[in-house]
Amino acid sequence: LKPIVEQSVSTDATIVTDGFGGYAGLNKIFREHQVLNKEKEEYARGEYHTNTIEGFWTLLKRGIYGQYHKVSLRHLQSYLNEFTFKYNNRGNNQVFNFLINKMATAS
């Protein structure tokens, strides 16, 4: 995991993770690494939490199980792009109009 995180995240970032061992040592690479101990029911510490990413994973898993039932590696990035768009626009009441306008101008 560390090589992927290193390539994708600015070293000036604060990283917030659970206690999974694959994240060990991130404090040596990034400005700050906050580790939440979910085994001891620590889900937040001040402003630090993992609620946002857990909400995204929930949306993604429900979409795969309930809508697509399975995904292929070939199209995985497209699925991730779709659910990222949905998550980032979950509070946008105009998203339907936005999509219709995008489709109308694409032709």
PDB file of N, CA and C in Angstrom:
ATOM      1  N   LEU A   1       0.802  -1.214   0.000  1.00  0.00           N
ATOM      2  CA  LEU A   1       0.000   0.000   0.000  1.00  0.00           C
ATOM      3  C   LEU A   1       0.839   1.270   0.000  1.00  0.00           C
ATOM      4  N   LYS A   2       1.946   1.241   0.711  1.00  0.00           N
ATOM      5  CA  LYS A   2       2.737   2.469   0.862  1.00  0.00           C
ATOM      6  C   LYS A   2       3.203   3.062  -0.464  1.00  0.00           C
ATOM      7  N   PRO A   3       3.681   2.256  -1.419  1.00  0.00           N
ATOM      8  CA  PRO A   3       4.089   2.857  -2.694  1.00  0.00           C
ATOM      9  C   PRO A   3       2.943   3.557  -3.418  1.00  0.00           C
ATOM     10  N   ILE A   4       1.752   3.000  -3.333  1.00  0.00           N
ATOM     11  CA  ILE A   4       0.585   3.622  -3.985  1.00  0.00           C
ATOM     12  C   ILE A   4       0.244   4.934  -3.295  1.00  0.00           C
ATOM     13  N   VAL A   5       0.246   4.938  -1.963  1.00  0.00           N
ATOM     14  CA  VAL A   5      -0.048   6.157  -1.209  1.00  0.00           C
ATOM     15  C   VAL A   5       1.011   7.214  -1.503  1.00  0.00           C
ATOM     16  N   GLU A   6       2.268   6.811  -1.539  1.00  0.00           N
ATOM     17  CA  GLU A   6       3.356   7.761  -1.811  1.00  0.00           C
ATOM     18  C   GLU A   6       3.211   8.411  -3.181  1.00  0.00           C
ATOM     19  N   GLN A   7       2.776   7.650  -4.181  1.00  0.00           N
ATOM     20  CA  GLN A   7       2.609   8.180  -5.532  1.00  0.00           C
ATOM     21  C   GLN A   7       1.388   9.071  -5.660  1.00  0.00           C
ATOM     22  N   SER A   8       0.392   8.862  -4.823  1.00  0.00           N
ATOM     23  CA  SER A   8      -0.903   9.518  -4.993  1.00  0.00           C
ATOM     24  C   SER A   8      -1.151  10.699  -4.071  1.00  0.00           C
ATOM     25  N   VAL A   9      -0.407  10.814  -2.980  1.00  0.00           N
ATOM     26  CA  VAL A   9      -0.706  11.805  -1.948  1.00  0.00           C
ATOM     27  C   VAL A   9       0.503  12.711  -1.731  1.00  0.00           C
ATOM     28  N   SER A  10       0.256  13.997  -1.591  1.00  0.00           N
ATOM     29  CA  SER A  10       1.320  14.966  -1.317  1.00  0.00           C
ATOM     30  C   SER A  10       1.976  14.668   0.030  1.00  0.00           C
ATOM     31  N   THR A  11       3.280  14.820   0.099  1.00  0.00           N
ATOM     32  CA  THR A  11       3.986  14.581   1.360  1.00  0.00           C
ATOM     33  C   THR A  11       3.642  15.637   2.412  1.00  0.00           C
ATOM     34  N   ASP A  12       2.996  16.728   2.000  1.00  0.00           N
ATOM     35  CA  ASP A  12       2.543  17.752   2.945  1.00  0.00           C
ATOM     36  C   ASP A  12       1.220  17.381   3.608  1.00  0.00           C
ATOM     37  N   ALA A  13       0.625  16.270   3.200  1.00  0.00           N
ATOM     38  CA  ALA A  13      -0.698  15.883   3.687  1.00  0.00           C
ATOM     39  C   ALA A  13      -0.636  15.267   5.076  1.00  0.00           C
ATOM     40  N   THR A  14      -1.762  15.342   5.755  1.00  0.00           N
ATOM     41  CA  THR A  14      -1.968  14.576   6.984  1.00  0.00           C
ATOM     42  C   THR A  14      -2.732  13.321   6.587  1.00  0.00           C
ATOM     43  N   ILE A  15      -2.184  12.174   6.894  1.00  0.00           N
ATOM     44  CA  ILE A  15      -2.792  10.891   6.570  1.00  0.00           C
ATOM     45  C   ILE A  15      -3.545  10.403   7.799  1.00  0.00           C
ATOM     46  N   VAL A  16      -4.790   9.962   7.610  1.00  0.00           N
ATOM     47  CA  VAL A  16      -5.587   9.416   8.700  1.00  0.00           C
ATOM     48  C   VAL A  16      -5.980   8.002   8.306  1.00  0.00           C
ATOM     49  N   THR A  17      -5.578   7.011   9.116  1.00  0.00           N
ATOM     50  CA  THR A  17      -5.870   5.616   8.805  1.00  0.00           C
ATOM     51  C   THR A  17      -6.357   4.893  10.046  1.00  0.00           C
ATOM     52  N   ASP A  18      -6.775   3.660   9.812  1.00  0.00           N
ATOM     53  CA  ASP A  18      -7.025   2.777  10.940  1.00  0.00           C
ATOM     54  C   ASP A  18      -5.700   2.112  11.294  1.00  0.00           C
ATOM     55  N   GLY A  19      -5.710   1.120  12.144  1.00  0.00           N
ATOM     56  CA  GLY A  19      -4.476   0.527  12.628  1.00  0.00           C
ATOM     57  C   GLY A  19      -3.905  -0.583  11.760  1.00  0.00           C
ATOM     58  N   PHE A  20      -4.384  -0.744  10.542  1.00  0.00           N
ATOM     59  CA  PHE A  20      -3.876  -1.784   9.661  1.00  0.00           C
ATOM     60  C   PHE A  20      -2.355  -1.660   9.503  1.00  0.00           C
ATOM     61  N   GLY A  21      -1.642  -2.749   9.674  1.00  0.00           N
ATOM     62  CA  GLY A  21      -0.186  -2.742   9.660  1.00  0.00           C
ATOM     63  C   GLY A  21       0.434  -2.256   8.363  1.00  0.00           C
ATOM     64  N   GLY A  22      -0.284  -2.353   7.259  1.00  0.00           N
ATOM     65  CA  GLY A  22       0.239  -1.897   5.978  1.00  0.00           C
ATOM     66  C   GLY A  22       0.485  -0.400   5.929  1.00  0.00           C
ATOM     67  N   TYR A  23      -0.073   0.331   6.874  1.00  0.00           N
ATOM     68  CA  TYR A  23       0.114   1.784   6.922  1.00  0.00           C
ATOM     69  C   TYR A  23       1.278   2.199   7.822  1.00  0.00           C
ATOM     70  N   ALA A  24       1.897   1.243   8.489  1.00  0.00           N
ATOM     71  CA  ALA A  24       2.996   1.558   9.413  1.00  0.00           C
ATOM     72  C   ALA A  24       4.132   2.262   8.670  1.00  0.00           C
ATOM     73  N   GLY A  25       4.670   3.294   9.284  1.00  0.00           N
ATOM     74  CA  GLY A  25       5.786   4.025   8.705  1.00  0.00           C
ATOM     75  C   GLY A  25       5.393   5.226   7.866  1.00  0.00           C
ATOM     76  N   LEU A  26       4.103   5.458   7.654  1.00  0.00           N
ATOM     77  CA  LEU A  26       3.687   6.615   6.865  1.00  0.00           C
ATOM     78  C   LEU A  26       4.076   7.922   7.538  1.00  0.00           C
ATOM     79  N   ASN A  27       4.235   7.895   8.859  1.00  0.00           N
ATOM     80  CA  ASN A  27       4.646   9.106   9.584  1.00  0.00           C
ATOM     81  C   ASN A  27       6.051   9.561   9.192  1.00  0.00           C
ATOM     82  N   LYS A  28       6.839   8.664   8.614  1.00  0.00           N
ATOM     83  CA  LYS A  28       8.190   9.018   8.171  1.00  0.00           C
ATOM     84  C   LYS A  28       8.182   9.666   6.792  1.00  0.00           C
ATOM     85  N   ILE A  29       7.075   9.532   6.080  1.00  0.00           N
ATOM     86  CA  ILE A  29       6.974  10.023   4.703  1.00  0.00           C
ATOM     87  C   ILE A  29       6.136  11.302   4.627  1.00  0.00           C
ATOM     88  N   PHE A  30       5.068  11.344   5.402  1.00  0.00           N
ATOM     89  CA  PHE A  30       4.110  12.446   5.330  1.00  0.00           C
ATOM     90  C   PHE A  30       4.231  13.365   6.534  1.00  0.00           C
ATOM     91  N   ARG A  31       3.707  14.558   6.371  1.00  0.00           N
ATOM     92  CA  ARG A  31       3.773  15.577   7.419  1.00  0.00           C
ATOM     93  C   ARG A  31       3.258  15.038   8.743  1.00  0.00           C
ATOM     94  N   GLU A  32       2.159  14.291   8.667  1.00  0.00           N
ATOM     95  CA  GLU A  32       1.540  13.771   9.889  1.00  0.00           C
ATOM     96  C   GLU A  32       0.758  12.510   9.544  1.00  0.00           C
ATOM     97  N   HIS A  33       0.751  11.550  10.457  1.00  0.00           N
ATOM     98  CA  HIS A  33      -0.030  10.321  10.286  1.00  0.00           C
ATOM     99  C   HIS A  33      -0.792  10.056  11.569  1.00  0.00           C
ATOM    100  N   GLN A  34      -2.101  10.193  11.507  1.00  0.00           N
ATOM    101  CA  GLN A  34      -2.976   9.921  12.641  1.00  0.00           C
ATOM    102  C   GLN A  34      -3.537   8.508  12.479  1.00  0.00           C
ATOM    103  N   VAL A  35      -3.363   7.680  13.500  1.00  0.00           N
ATOM    104  CA  VAL A  35      -3.852   6.302  13.462  1.00  0.00           C
ATOM    105  C   VAL A  35      -4.989   6.169  14.462  1.00  0.00           C
ATOM    106  N   LEU A  36      -6.172   5.810  13.974  1.00  0.00           N
ATOM    107  CA  LEU A  36      -7.334   5.608  14.839  1.00  0.00           C
ATOM    108  C   LEU A  36      -7.427   4.124  15.183  1.00  0.00           C
ATOM    109  N   ASN A  37      -7.624   3.812  16.449  1.00  0.00           N
ATOM    110  CA  ASN A  37      -7.680   2.433  16.911  1.00  0.00           C
ATOM    111  C   ASN A  37      -9.138   1.981  16.997  1.00  0.00           C
ATOM    112  N   LYS A  38      -9.618   1.392  15.919  1.00  0.00           N
ATOM    113  CA  LYS A  38     -11.022   0.980  15.876  1.00  0.00           C
ATOM    114  C   LYS A  38     -11.294  -0.227  16.757  1.00  0.00           C
ATOM    115  N   GLU A  39     -10.263  -0.992  17.062  1.00  0.00           N
ATOM    116  CA  GLU A  39     -10.442  -2.114  17.986  1.00  0.00           C
ATOM    117  C   GLU A  39     -10.837  -1.629  19.367  1.00  0.00           C
ATOM    118  N   LYS A  40     -10.432  -0.413  19.707  1.00  0.00           N
ATOM    119  CA  LYS A  40     -10.818   0.198  20.988  1.00  0.00           C
ATOM    120  C   LYS A  40     -11.932   1.219  20.789  1.00  0.00           C
ATOM    121  N   GLU A  41     -12.655   1.076  19.674  1.00  0.00           N
ATOM    122  CA  GLU A  41     -13.788   1.934  19.324  1.00  0.00           C
ATOM    123  C   GLU A  41     -13.421   3.407  19.231  1.00  0.00           C
ATOM    124  N   GLU A  42     -12.227   3.686  18.752  1.00  0.00           N
ATOM    125  CA  GLU A  42     -11.808   5.063  18.498  1.00  0.00           C
ATOM    126  C   GLU A  42     -12.076   5.346  17.008  1.00  0.00           C
ATOM    127  N   TYR A  43     -13.165   6.044  16.740  1.00  0.00           N
ATOM    128  CA  TYR A  43     -13.571   6.318  15.357  1.00  0.00           C
ATOM    129  C   TYR A  43     -13.239   7.745  14.938  1.00  0.00           C
ATOM    130  N   ALA A  44     -12.881   8.564  15.899  1.00  0.00           N
ATOM    131  CA  ALA A  44     -12.498   9.951  15.620  1.00  0.00           C
ATOM    132  C   ALA A  44     -11.600  10.439  16.739  1.00  0.00           C
ATOM    133  N   ARG A  45     -10.726  11.383  16.372  1.00  0.00           N
ATOM    134  CA  ARG A  45      -9.876  12.044  17.357  1.00  0.00           C
ATOM    135  C   ARG A  45      -9.820  13.508  16.949  1.00  0.00           C
ATOM    136  N   GLY A  46     -10.566  14.343  17.650  1.00  0.00           N
ATOM    137  CA  GLY A  46     -10.639  15.751  17.273  1.00  0.00           C
ATOM    138  C   GLY A  46     -11.203  15.889  15.867  1.00  0.00           C
ATOM    139  N   GLU A  47     -10.454  16.550  14.994  1.00  0.00           N
ATOM    140  CA  GLU A  47     -10.922  16.749  13.619  1.00  0.00           C
ATOM    141  C   GLU A  47     -10.615  15.555  12.718  1.00  0.00           C
ATOM    142  N   TYR A  48      -9.904  14.548  13.220  1.00  0.00           N
ATOM    143  CA  TYR A  48      -9.487  13.421  12.404  1.00  0.00           C
ATOM    144  C   TYR A  48     -10.490  12.277  12.506  1.00  0.00           C
ATOM    145  N   HIS A  49     -10.874  11.738  11.367  1.00  0.00           N
ATOM    146  CA  HIS A  49     -11.797  10.613  11.303  1.00  0.00           C
ATOM    147  C   HIS A  49     -11.640   9.934   9.952  1.00  0.00           C
ATOM    148  N   THR A  50     -12.234   8.778   9.819  1.00  0.00           N
ATOM    149  CA  THR A  50     -12.228   8.069   8.540  1.00  0.00           C
ATOM    150  C   THR A  50     -13.643   7.928   7.985  1.00  0.00           C
ATOM    151  N   ASN A  51     -14.574   8.729   8.478  1.00  0.00           N
ATOM    152  CA  ASN A  51     -15.975   8.621   8.066  1.00  0.00           C
ATOM    153  C   ASN A  51     -16.164   8.851   6.572  1.00  0.00           C
ATOM    154  N   THR A  52     -15.433   9.793   5.987  1.00  0.00           N
ATOM    155  CA  THR A  52     -15.622  10.125   4.580  1.00  0.00           C
ATOM    156  C   THR A  52     -15.264   8.945   3.692  1.00  0.00           C
ATOM    157  N   ILE A  53     -14.101   8.359   3.898  1.00  0.00           N
ATOM    158  CA  ILE A  53     -13.699   7.238   3.048  1.00  0.00           C
ATOM    159  C   ILE A  53     -14.561   6.023   3.321  1.00  0.00           C
ATOM    160  N   GLU A  54     -14.982   5.827   4.566  1.00  0.00           N
ATOM    161  CA  GLU A  54     -15.856   4.696   4.856  1.00  0.00           C
ATOM    162  C   GLU A  54     -17.215   4.870   4.194  1.00  0.00           C
ATOM    163  N   GLY A  55     -17.704   6.109   4.116  1.00  0.00           N
ATOM    164  CA  GLY A  55     -18.952   6.374   3.396  1.00  0.00           C
ATOM    165  C   GLY A  55     -18.813   6.065   1.912  1.00  0.00           C
ATOM    166  N   PHE A  56     -17.664   6.418   1.343  1.00  0.00           N
ATOM    167  CA  PHE A  56     -17.428   6.116  -0.068  1.00  0.00           C
ATOM    168  C   PHE A  56     -17.392   4.608  -0.303  1.00  0.00           C
ATOM    169  N   TRP A  57     -16.640   3.873   0.554  1.00  0.00           N
ATOM    170  CA  TRP A  57     -16.560   2.420   0.370  1.00  0.00           C
ATOM    171  C   TRP A  57     -17.933   1.779   0.491  1.00  0.00           C
ATOM    172  N   THR A  58     -18.766   2.276   1.399  1.00  0.00           N
ATOM    173  CA  THR A  58     -20.117   1.747   1.552  1.00  0.00           C
ATOM    174  C   THR A  58     -20.912   1.947   0.268  1.00  0.00           C
ATOM    175  N   LEU A  59     -20.854   3.152  -0.308  1.00  0.00           N
ATOM    176  CA  LEU A  59     -21.559   3.424  -1.564  1.00  0.00           C
ATOM    177  C   LEU A  59     -21.057   2.506  -2.675  1.00  0.00           C
ATOM    178  N   LEU A  60     -19.750   2.356  -2.772  1.00  0.00           N
ATOM    179  CA  LEU A  60     -19.158   1.516  -3.814  1.00  0.00           C
ATOM    180  C   LEU A  60     -19.585   0.056  -3.648  1.00  0.00           C
ATOM    181  N   LYS A  61     -19.468  -0.477  -2.441  1.00  0.00           N
ATOM    182  CA  LYS A  61     -19.831  -1.882  -2.216  1.00  0.00           C
ATOM    183  C   LYS A  61     -21.306  -2.137  -2.472  1.00  0.00           C
ATOM    184  N   ARG A  62     -22.172  -1.238  -2.014  1.00  0.00           N
ATOM    185  CA  ARG A  62     -23.602  -1.411  -2.273  1.00  0.00           C
ATOM    186  C   ARG A  62     -23.910  -1.350  -3.760  1.00  0.00           C
ATOM    187  N   GLY A  63     -23.219  -0.464  -4.460  1.00  0.00           N
ATOM    188  CA  GLY A  63     -23.427  -0.358  -5.899  1.00  0.00           C
ATOM    189  C   GLY A  63     -22.981  -1.606  -6.634  1.00  0.00           C
ATOM    190  N   ILE A  64     -21.850  -2.154  -6.241  1.00  0.00           N
ATOM    191  CA  ILE A  64     -21.363  -3.367  -6.912  1.00  0.00           C
ATOM    192  C   ILE A  64     -22.269  -4.547  -6.605  1.00  0.00           C
ATOM    193  N   TYR A  65     -22.587  -4.755  -5.329  1.00  0.00           N
ATOM    194  CA  TYR A  65     -23.429  -5.892  -4.961  1.00  0.00           C
ATOM    195  C   TYR A  65     -24.860  -5.739  -5.461  1.00  0.00           C
ATOM    196  N   GLY A  66     -25.403  -4.544  -5.374  1.00  0.00           N
ATOM    197  CA  GLY A  66     -26.813  -4.348  -5.681  1.00  0.00           C
ATOM    198  C   GLY A  66     -27.117  -3.966  -7.109  1.00  0.00           C
ATOM    199  N   GLN A  67     -26.176  -3.334  -7.794  1.00  0.00           N
ATOM    200  CA  GLN A  67     -26.431  -2.849  -9.145  1.00  0.00           C
ATOM    201  C   GLN A  67     -25.710  -3.688 -10.191  1.00  0.00           C
ATOM    202  N   TYR A  68     -24.420  -3.899 -10.002  1.00  0.00           N
ATOM    203  CA  TYR A  68     -23.621  -4.598 -11.012  1.00  0.00           C
ATOM    204  C   TYR A  68     -23.364  -6.064 -10.669  1.00  0.00           C
ATOM    205  N   HIS A  69     -23.408  -6.425  -9.422  1.00  0.00           N
ATOM    206  CA  HIS A  69     -23.221  -7.781  -8.902  1.00  0.00           C
ATOM    207  C   HIS A  69     -21.776  -8.270  -8.971  1.00  0.00           C
ATOM    208  N   LYS A  70     -21.019  -7.826  -9.951  1.00  0.00           N
ATOM    209  CA  LYS A  70     -19.591  -8.112 -10.001  1.00  0.00           C
ATOM    210  C   LYS A  70     -18.948  -7.102 -10.949  1.00  0.00           C
ATOM    211  N   VAL A  71     -17.643  -6.952 -10.846  1.00  0.00           N
ATOM    212  CA  VAL A  71     -16.920  -6.045 -11.732  1.00  0.00           C
ATOM    213  C   VAL A  71     -15.715  -6.786 -12.290  1.00  0.00           C
ATOM    214  N   SER A  72     -15.263  -6.323 -13.430  1.00  0.00           N
ATOM    215  CA  SER A  72     -14.060  -6.909 -14.016  1.00  0.00           C
ATOM    216  C   SER A  72     -12.903  -5.934 -13.835  1.00  0.00           C
ATOM    217  N   LEU A  73     -11.703  -6.472 -13.784  1.00  0.00           N
ATOM    218  CA  LEU A  73     -10.512  -5.644 -13.661  1.00  0.00           C
ATOM    219  C   LEU A  73     -10.400  -4.696 -14.853  1.00  0.00           C
ATOM    220  N   ARG A  74     -10.822  -5.164 -16.017  1.00  0.00           N
ATOM    221  CA  ARG A  74     -10.742  -4.349 -17.241  1.00  0.00           C
ATOM    222  C   ARG A  74     -11.513  -3.040 -17.102  1.00  0.00           C
ATOM    223  N   HIS A  75     -12.662  -3.081 -16.437  1.00  0.00           N
ATOM    224  CA  HIS A  75     -13.525  -1.901 -16.328  1.00  0.00           C
ATOM    225  C   HIS A  75     -13.535  -1.293 -14.929  1.00  0.00           C
ATOM    226  N   LEU A  76     -12.667  -1.758 -14.048  1.00  0.00           N
ATOM    227  CA  LEU A  76     -12.670  -1.296 -12.663  1.00  0.00           C
ATOM    228  C   LEU A  76     -12.554   0.218 -12.554  1.00  0.00           C
ATOM    229  N   GLN A  77     -11.662   0.839 -13.330  1.00  0.00           N
ATOM    230  CA  GLN A  77     -11.494   2.288 -13.242  1.00  0.00           C
ATOM    231  C   GLN A  77     -12.776   3.021 -13.616  1.00  0.00           C
ATOM    232  N   SER A  78     -13.523   2.510 -14.586  1.00  0.00           N
ATOM    233  CA  SER A  78     -14.793   3.138 -14.965  1.00  0.00           C
ATOM    234  C   SER A  78     -15.810   3.052 -13.837  1.00  0.00           C
ATOM    235  N   TYR A  79     -15.869   1.908 -13.158  1.00  0.00           N
ATOM    236  CA  TYR A  79     -16.765   1.776 -12.011  1.00  0.00           C
ATOM    237  C   TYR A  79     -16.361   2.764 -10.915  1.00  0.00           C
ATOM    238  N   LEU A  80     -15.062   2.833 -10.635  1.00  0.00           N
ATOM    239  CA  LEU A  80     -14.588   3.753  -9.601  1.00  0.00           C
ATOM    240  C   LEU A  80     -14.884   5.198  -9.972  1.00  0.00           C
ATOM    241  N   ASN A  81     -14.718   5.557 -11.245  1.00  0.00           N
ATOM    242  CA  ASN A  81     -15.034   6.916 -11.691  1.00  0.00           C
ATOM    243  C   ASN A  81     -16.516   7.230 -11.488  1.00  0.00           C
ATOM    244  N   GLU A  82     -17.376   6.273 -11.828  1.00  0.00           N
ATOM    245  CA  GLU A  82     -18.817   6.479 -11.664  1.00  0.00           C
ATOM    246  C   GLU A  82     -19.175   6.721 -10.202  1.00  0.00           C
ATOM    247  N   PHE A  83     -18.679   5.876  -9.314  1.00  0.00           N
ATOM    248  CA  PHE A  83     -19.048   6.003  -7.911  1.00  0.00           C
ATOM    249  C   PHE A  83     -18.375   7.196  -7.244  1.00  0.00           C
ATOM    250  N   THR A  84     -17.209   7.588  -7.731  1.00  0.00           N
ATOM    251  CA  THR A  84     -16.582   8.809  -7.235  1.00  0.00           C
ATOM    252  C   THR A  84     -17.430  10.011  -7.600  1.00  0.00           C
ATOM    253  N   PHE A  85     -17.915  10.047  -8.838  1.00  0.00           N
ATOM    254  CA  PHE A  85     -18.808  11.134  -9.259  1.00  0.00           C
ATOM    255  C   PHE A  85     -20.062  11.155  -8.393  1.00  0.00           C
ATOM    256  N   LYS A  86     -20.676   9.989  -8.202  1.00  0.00           N
ATOM    257  CA  LYS A  86     -21.894   9.918  -7.386  1.00  0.00           C
ATOM    258  C   LYS A  86     -21.637  10.402  -5.957  1.00  0.00           C
ATOM    259  N   TYR A  87     -20.530   9.967  -5.377  1.00  0.00           N
ATOM    260  CA  TYR A  87     -20.234  10.357  -4.001  1.00  0.00           C
ATOM    261  C   TYR A  87     -19.966  11.854  -3.904  1.00  0.00           C
ATOM    262  N   ASN A  88     -19.177  12.379  -4.824  1.00  0.00           N
ATOM    263  CA  ASN A  88     -18.838  13.803  -4.784  1.00  0.00           C
ATOM    264  C   ASN A  88     -20.025  14.700  -5.065  1.00  0.00           C
ATOM    265  N   ASN A  89     -21.070  14.168  -5.675  1.00  0.00           N
ATOM    266  CA  ASN A  89     -22.262  14.953  -6.001  1.00  0.00           C
ATOM    267  C   ASN A  89     -23.483  14.510  -5.206  1.00  0.00           C
ATOM    268  N   ARG A  90     -23.292  13.800  -4.096  1.00  0.00           N
ATOM    269  CA  ARG A  90     -24.416  13.264  -3.329  1.00  0.00           C
ATOM    270  C   ARG A  90     -25.335  14.337  -2.768  1.00  0.00           C
ATOM    271  N   GLY A  91     -24.842  15.530  -2.563  1.00  0.00           N
ATOM    272  CA  GLY A  91     -25.679  16.607  -2.040  1.00  0.00           C
ATOM    273  C   GLY A  91     -26.107  17.610  -3.098  1.00  0.00           C
ATOM    274  N   ASN A  92     -25.783  17.334  -4.349  1.00  0.00           N
ATOM    275  CA  ASN A  92     -26.080  18.255  -5.444  1.00  0.00           C
ATOM    276  C   ASN A  92     -27.485  17.986  -5.983  1.00  0.00           C
ATOM    277  N   ASN A  93     -28.423  18.885  -5.693  1.00  0.00           N
ATOM    278  CA  ASN A  93     -29.799  18.705  -6.157  1.00  0.00           C
ATOM    279  C   ASN A  93     -29.950  18.924  -7.657  1.00  0.00           C
ATOM    280  N   GLN A  94     -28.938  19.490  -8.272  1.00  0.00           N
ATOM    281  CA  GLN A  94     -29.004  19.778  -9.711  1.00  0.00           C
ATOM    282  C   GLN A  94     -28.200  18.778 -10.546  1.00  0.00           C
ATOM    283  N   VAL A  95     -27.769  17.677  -9.958  1.00  0.00           N
ATOM    284  CA  VAL A  95     -26.915  16.741 -10.680  1.00  0.00           C
ATOM    285  C   VAL A  95     -27.613  16.146 -11.902  1.00  0.00           C
ATOM    286  N   PHE A  96     -28.909  15.888 -11.817  1.00  0.00           N
ATOM    287  CA  PHE A  96     -29.631  15.345 -12.973  1.00  0.00           C
ATOM    288  C   PHE A  96     -29.591  16.334 -14.127  1.00  0.00           C
ATOM    289  N   ASN A  97     -29.869  17.607 -13.843  1.00  0.00           N
ATOM    290  CA  ASN A  97     -29.820  18.632 -14.889  1.00  0.00           C
ATOM    291  C   ASN A  97     -28.408  18.769 -15.452  1.00  0.00           C
ATOM    292  N   PHE A  98     -27.401  18.675 -14.598  1.00  0.00           N
ATOM    293  CA  PHE A  98     -26.011  18.731 -15.029  1.00  0.00           C
ATOM    294  C   PHE A  98     -25.713  17.607 -16.026  1.00  0.00           C
ATOM    295  N   LEU A  99     -26.135  16.393 -15.704  1.00  0.00           N
ATOM    296  CA  LEU A  99     -25.879  15.255 -16.586  1.00  0.00           C
ATOM    297  C   LEU A  99     -26.621  15.387 -17.912  1.00  0.00           C
ATOM    298  N   ILE A 100     -27.865  15.846 -17.872  1.00  0.00           N
ATOM    299  CA  ILE A 100     -28.643  16.021 -19.108  1.00  0.00           C
ATOM    300  C   ILE A 100     -27.963  17.070 -19.991  1.00  0.00           C
ATOM    301  N   ASN A 101     -27.516  18.158 -19.399  1.00  0.00           N
ATOM    302  CA  ASN A 101     -26.807  19.200 -20.183  1.00  0.00           C
ATOM    303  C   ASN A 101     -25.512  18.657 -20.767  1.00  0.00           C
ATOM    304  N   LYS A 102     -24.776  17.872 -20.016  1.00  0.00           N
ATOM    305  CA  LYS A 102     -23.538  17.259 -20.528  1.00  0.00           C
ATOM    306  C   LYS A 102     -23.837  16.357 -21.723  1.00  0.00           C
ATOM    307  N   MET A 103     -24.895  15.574 -21.611  1.00  0.00           N
ATOM    308  CA  MET A 103     -25.242  14.666 -22.707  1.00  0.00           C
ATOM    309  C   MET A 103     -25.701  15.449 -23.925  1.00  0.00           C
ATOM    310  N   ALA A 104     -26.447  16.527 -23.724  1.00  0.00           N
ATOM    311  CA  ALA A 104     -26.961  17.329 -24.841  1.00  0.00           C
ATOM    312  C   ALA A 104     -25.835  18.043 -25.577  1.00  0.00           C
ATOM    313  N   THR A 105     -24.797  18.456 -24.848  1.00  0.00           N
ATOM    314  CA  THR A 105     -23.706  19.183 -25.499  1.00  0.00           C
ATOM    315  C   THR A 105     -22.640  18.238 -26.051  1.00  0.00           C
ATOM    316  N   ALA A 106     -22.698  16.967 -25.735  1.00  0.00           N
ATOM    317  CA  ALA A 106     -21.706  16.011 -26.196  1.00  0.00           C
ATOM    318  C   ALA A 106     -21.933  15.600 -27.650  1.00  0.00           C
ATOM    319  N   SER A 107     -23.131  15.809 -28.165  1.00  0.00           N
ATOM    320  CA  SER A 107     -23.418  15.342 -29.526  1.00  0.00           C
ATOM    321  C   SER A 107     -22.961  16.280 -30.596  1.00  0.00           C
TER     322      SER A 107
END
